[in-house]
Protein backbone atom coordinates (compact mmCIF):
# COMPACT_ATOMS: atom_id res chain seq x y z
CA UNK A 1 -20.85 -25.83 -33.76
CA UNK A 2 -17.77 -27.61 -35.24
CA UNK A 3 -18.66 -25.97 -38.69
CA UNK A 4 -18.24 -22.54 -37.57
CA UNK A 5 -15.35 -22.84 -35.74
CA UNK A 6 -13.30 -25.07 -38.86
CA UNK A 7 -14.88 -21.15 -40.94
CA UNK A 8 -13.82 -19.12 -38.46
CA UNK A 9 -9.68 -20.58 -38.19
CA UNK A 10 -10.01 -20.62 -41.86
CA UNK A 11 -10.53 -17.29 -42.11
CA UNK A 12 -8.00 -16.25 -39.89
CA UNK A 13 -5.42 -18.21 -41.50
CA UNK A 14 -6.38 -16.57 -44.81
CA UNK A 15 -6.43 -12.94 -43.15
CA UNK A 16 -2.56 -13.83 -41.30
CA UNK A 17 -1.50 -14.65 -44.97
CA UNK A 18 -2.92 -11.55 -46.72
CA UNK A 19 -1.99 -9.58 -43.54
CA UNK A 20 1.65 -10.54 -43.60
CA UNK A 21 2.13 -9.99 -47.45
CA UNK A 22 1.37 -5.96 -46.78
CA UNK A 23 4.07 -4.30 -46.26
CA UNK A 24 2.45 -1.74 -43.31
CA UNK A 25 4.59 -0.47 -40.44
CA UNK A 26 4.21 -2.19 -37.17
CA UNK A 27 1.55 -0.87 -35.29
CA UNK A 28 3.28 -0.46 -31.86
CA UNK A 29 5.64 2.00 -33.94
CA UNK A 30 2.66 4.47 -34.39
CA UNK A 31 1.43 4.24 -30.52
CA UNK A 32 3.78 7.65 -29.10
CA UNK A 33 6.01 10.19 -30.38
CA UNK A 34 9.42 9.41 -29.03
CA UNK A 35 10.30 12.86 -27.77
CA UNK A 36 13.53 13.55 -25.81
CA UNK A 37 12.57 13.26 -22.41
CA UNK A 38 14.39 15.10 -19.66
CA UNK A 39 12.72 13.36 -17.13
CA UNK A 40 14.92 10.81 -14.71
CA UNK A 41 15.01 7.24 -15.94
CA UNK A 42 12.48 5.97 -13.14
CA UNK A 43 9.74 6.16 -15.35
CA UNK A 44 11.28 4.31 -17.94
CA UNK A 45 12.40 1.08 -16.06
CA UNK A 46 9.44 0.82 -13.89
CA UNK A 47 9.47 -2.51 -12.77
CA UNK A 48 5.96 -2.00 -9.89
CA UNK A 49 8.10 -0.41 -7.38
CA UNK A 50 6.58 2.47 -6.07
CA UNK A 51 6.84 5.16 -8.62
CA UNK A 52 6.24 8.21 -6.46
CA UNK A 53 9.35 6.99 -4.31
CA UNK A 54 11.72 6.36 -7.01
CA UNK A 55 10.86 9.26 -8.94
CA UNK A 56 11.32 11.36 -5.49
CA UNK A 57 15.13 9.27 -4.73
CA UNK A 58 16.30 10.94 -8.32
CA UNK A 59 15.43 14.37 -7.10
CA UNK A 60 16.67 14.62 -4.06
CA UNK A 61 20.28 12.58 -5.76
CA UNK A 62 20.59 16.61 -7.50
CA UNK A 63 18.76 19.00 -4.82
CA UNK A 64 20.98 18.52 -1.47
CA UNK A 65 18.38 20.55 0.23
CA UNK A 66 15.99 17.44 -0.52
CA UNK A 67 18.42 15.01 0.77
CA UNK A 68 18.89 16.60 4.11
CA UNK A 69 15.39 17.01 4.62
CA UNK A 70 15.17 13.83 3.92
CA UNK A 71 18.26 12.36 6.29
CA UNK A 72 16.52 14.66 8.78
CA UNK A 73 12.84 12.77 8.51
CA UNK A 74 14.67 9.25 8.23
CA UNK A 75 16.74 10.02 11.71
CA UNK A 76 13.62 11.09 13.74
CA UNK A 77 11.64 7.74 12.78
CA UNK A 78 14.85 5.62 13.42
CA UNK A 79 15.02 7.37 16.68
CA UNK A 80 11.70 7.80 17.22
CA UNK A 81 11.18 3.48 16.75
CA UNK A 82 14.07 3.03 18.96
CA UNK A 83 13.10 5.46 21.84
CA UNK A 84 9.44 3.72 22.09
CA UNK A 85 10.63 0.27 21.56
CA UNK A 86 12.75 0.59 25.04
CA UNK A 87 9.68 2.13 26.73
CA UNK A 88 6.89 -0.64 24.82
CA UNK A 89 9.37 -3.67 26.26
CA UNK A 90 8.53 -2.44 29.81
CA UNK A 91 5.11 -0.84 29.57
CA UNK A 92 4.11 -4.65 27.80
CA UNK A 93 5.56 -6.63 30.17
CA UNK A 94 4.09 -5.09 32.73
CA UNK A 95 0.96 -5.63 31.15
CA UNK A 96 1.80 -9.41 30.72
CA UNK A 97 2.57 -10.14 34.29
CA UNK A 98 -0.83 -8.28 35.44
CA UNK A 99 -2.71 -10.47 32.93
CA UNK A 100 -0.93 -13.47 33.67
CA UNK A 101 -1.44 -12.73 37.40
CA UNK A 102 -5.24 -12.63 36.87
CA UNK A 103 -5.19 -16.30 35.02
CA UNK A 104 -3.19 -17.58 37.75
CA UNK A 105 -5.37 -16.24 40.56
CA UNK A 106 -7.95 -17.67 38.84
CA UNK A 107 -6.97 -21.19 39.17
CA UNK A 108 -6.51 -20.59 43.26
CA UNK A 109 -9.43 -23.24 44.37
CA UNK A 110 -9.37 -21.25 47.82
CA UNK A 111 -11.68 -18.25 46.96
CA UNK A 112 -10.93 -15.64 50.50
CA UNK A 113 -7.07 -16.53 49.13
CA UNK A 114 -8.72 -15.99 45.72
CA UNK A 115 -10.43 -12.61 46.41
CA UNK A 116 -7.65 -11.25 48.81
CA UNK A 117 -4.64 -11.82 45.29
CA UNK A 118 -7.13 -10.41 43.29
CA UNK A 119 -7.62 -7.51 45.06
CA UNK A 120 -3.73 -6.76 45.66
CA UNK A 121 -3.74 -7.61 41.54
CA UNK A 122 -5.78 -4.57 41.07
CA UNK A 123 -4.51 -2.18 43.49
CA UNK A 124 -0.87 -2.87 42.09
CA UNK A 125 -2.46 -2.54 38.45
CA UNK A 126 -4.61 0.76 39.62
CA UNK A 127 -1.33 2.10 40.59
CA UNK A 128 1.09 1.04 37.85
CA UNK A 129 -1.43 2.50 35.18
CA UNK A 130 -1.41 6.14 37.15
CA UNK A 131 2.39 5.96 37.68
CA UNK A 132 2.92 5.69 34.02
CA UNK A 133 -0.55 7.04 32.66
CA UNK A 134 1.53 10.48 31.85
CA UNK A 135 4.17 8.33 29.80
CA UNK A 136 1.71 6.85 27.92
CA UNK A 137 0.18 10.08 26.59
CA UNK A 138 3.68 10.92 25.47
CA UNK A 139 3.81 8.01 23.84
CA UNK A 140 0.03 7.58 21.50
CA UNK A 141 1.34 11.44 20.94
CA UNK A 142 4.91 10.48 19.87
CA UNK A 143 2.44 8.14 17.18
CA UNK A 144 0.21 10.89 16.53
CA UNK A 145 2.61 13.27 15.52
CA UNK A 146 4.82 9.64 13.57
CA UNK A 147 1.29 9.34 11.70
CA UNK A 148 1.39 13.30 10.03
CA UNK A 149 4.81 13.53 9.80
CA UNK A 150 4.27 10.28 7.34
CA UNK A 151 1.00 11.92 5.74
CA UNK A 152 2.55 15.23 5.75
CA UNK A 153 5.88 14.18 3.93
CA UNK A 154 3.85 11.53 1.69
CA UNK A 155 2.07 14.72 0.48
CA UNK A 156 5.38 16.49 -0.09
CA UNK A 157 6.98 14.05 -1.67
CA UNK A 158 3.79 13.51 -4.14
CA UNK A 159 3.79 17.40 -4.89
CA UNK A 160 6.94 17.48 -5.87
CA UNK A 161 6.84 14.66 -8.15
CA UNK A 162 3.95 15.37 -9.71
CA UNK A 163 5.73 17.61 -12.62
CA UNK A 164 7.75 15.02 -13.59
CA UNK A 165 5.39 12.79 -14.56
CA UNK A 166 3.64 15.85 -16.57
CA UNK A 167 6.95 15.96 -17.97
CA UNK A 168 7.33 12.32 -19.02
CA UNK A 169 3.16 12.67 -20.16
CA UNK A 170 4.53 15.49 -22.30
CA UNK A 171 7.80 13.86 -23.41
CA UNK A 172 5.35 10.98 -24.80
CA UNK A 173 2.63 12.04 -26.24
CA UNK A 174 0.26 9.29 -27.34
CA UNK A 175 -1.35 9.09 -30.93
CA UNK A 176 -4.53 7.17 -32.09
CA UNK A 177 -3.23 6.34 -35.51
CA UNK A 178 -2.35 2.24 -33.98
CA UNK A 179 -5.35 2.45 -32.20
CA UNK A 180 -7.04 3.73 -35.43
CA UNK A 181 -5.34 1.15 -37.73
CA UNK A 182 -6.09 -2.25 -35.16
CA UNK A 183 -10.11 -0.72 -35.15
CA UNK A 184 -9.80 -0.87 -39.41
CA UNK A 185 -7.97 -4.52 -38.68
CA UNK A 186 -10.28 -5.87 -36.66
CA UNK A 187 -13.67 -4.85 -38.88
CA UNK A 188 -12.45 -5.94 -42.54
CA UNK A 189 -12.08 -9.67 -40.05
CA UNK A 190 -15.47 -8.84 -38.64
CA UNK A 191 -16.93 -8.20 -42.47
CA UNK A 192 -15.26 -11.36 -43.67
CA UNK A 193 -16.43 -13.55 -41.16
CA UNK A 194 -19.84 -12.24 -41.54
CA UNK A 195 -19.67 -13.24 -45.09
CA UNK A 196 -18.95 -16.52 -44.37
CA UNK A 197 -21.71 -19.20 -44.22
C-alpha cells in the first residue's frame, strides 16, 4: 500500500513539474466567453442572496410603475400586520383567560362548586365565541388574502426576472474548451499511473 501511495505521489510530482514547464493558457480562462452583459450587477455580485428578489429590486429602480406597485404591496402587508395585531391581542388574551380559568377550576375540591364554575366558564366562553365568530372569519379571510397576495406577487416577480437571467446566460455562454482540456489532463495522468508498477 505504501509503495502504491509513493508511486502515485511521485507521478503527480513529475506531472506537476512537466505541467508548469508547458505554457498552456489557464483552463479557467477558457470557461466562458466574456461578452458584455446588459444585465444589472445582481448576478455579478451574487453572494447567496435571493437572486429573484435582488434582480427584481434592480428592475424597480428604473421602473416607476413597478416601484409604485411594490410600495403599495408593502404598505398593505404592513397595514395588515398592524391591524391583525390589535385583534389578535384581544382574542388571545380572552383565549388565555378561559384556558387558565379552566385549569384553576380543576383545582377546586368541592365538586358542586367546581361543576358550577366550569358551567359558567363554558357559558361565557361560548357566548364570546358567538360574539366574535364573524370577526374570526374576517381575520381568516385577511390571512388567506395575504397568502394569495404573496403567492401572486412572487409569481409576478419571477415572470419579470426570468428574462434577466436569460440575458445574463446569453451574455455569458459557457464553452467546452476548459472542460475538454481538463479531461485530457486527467486521462494523461490516469495513463501515466497505469504504467507505473
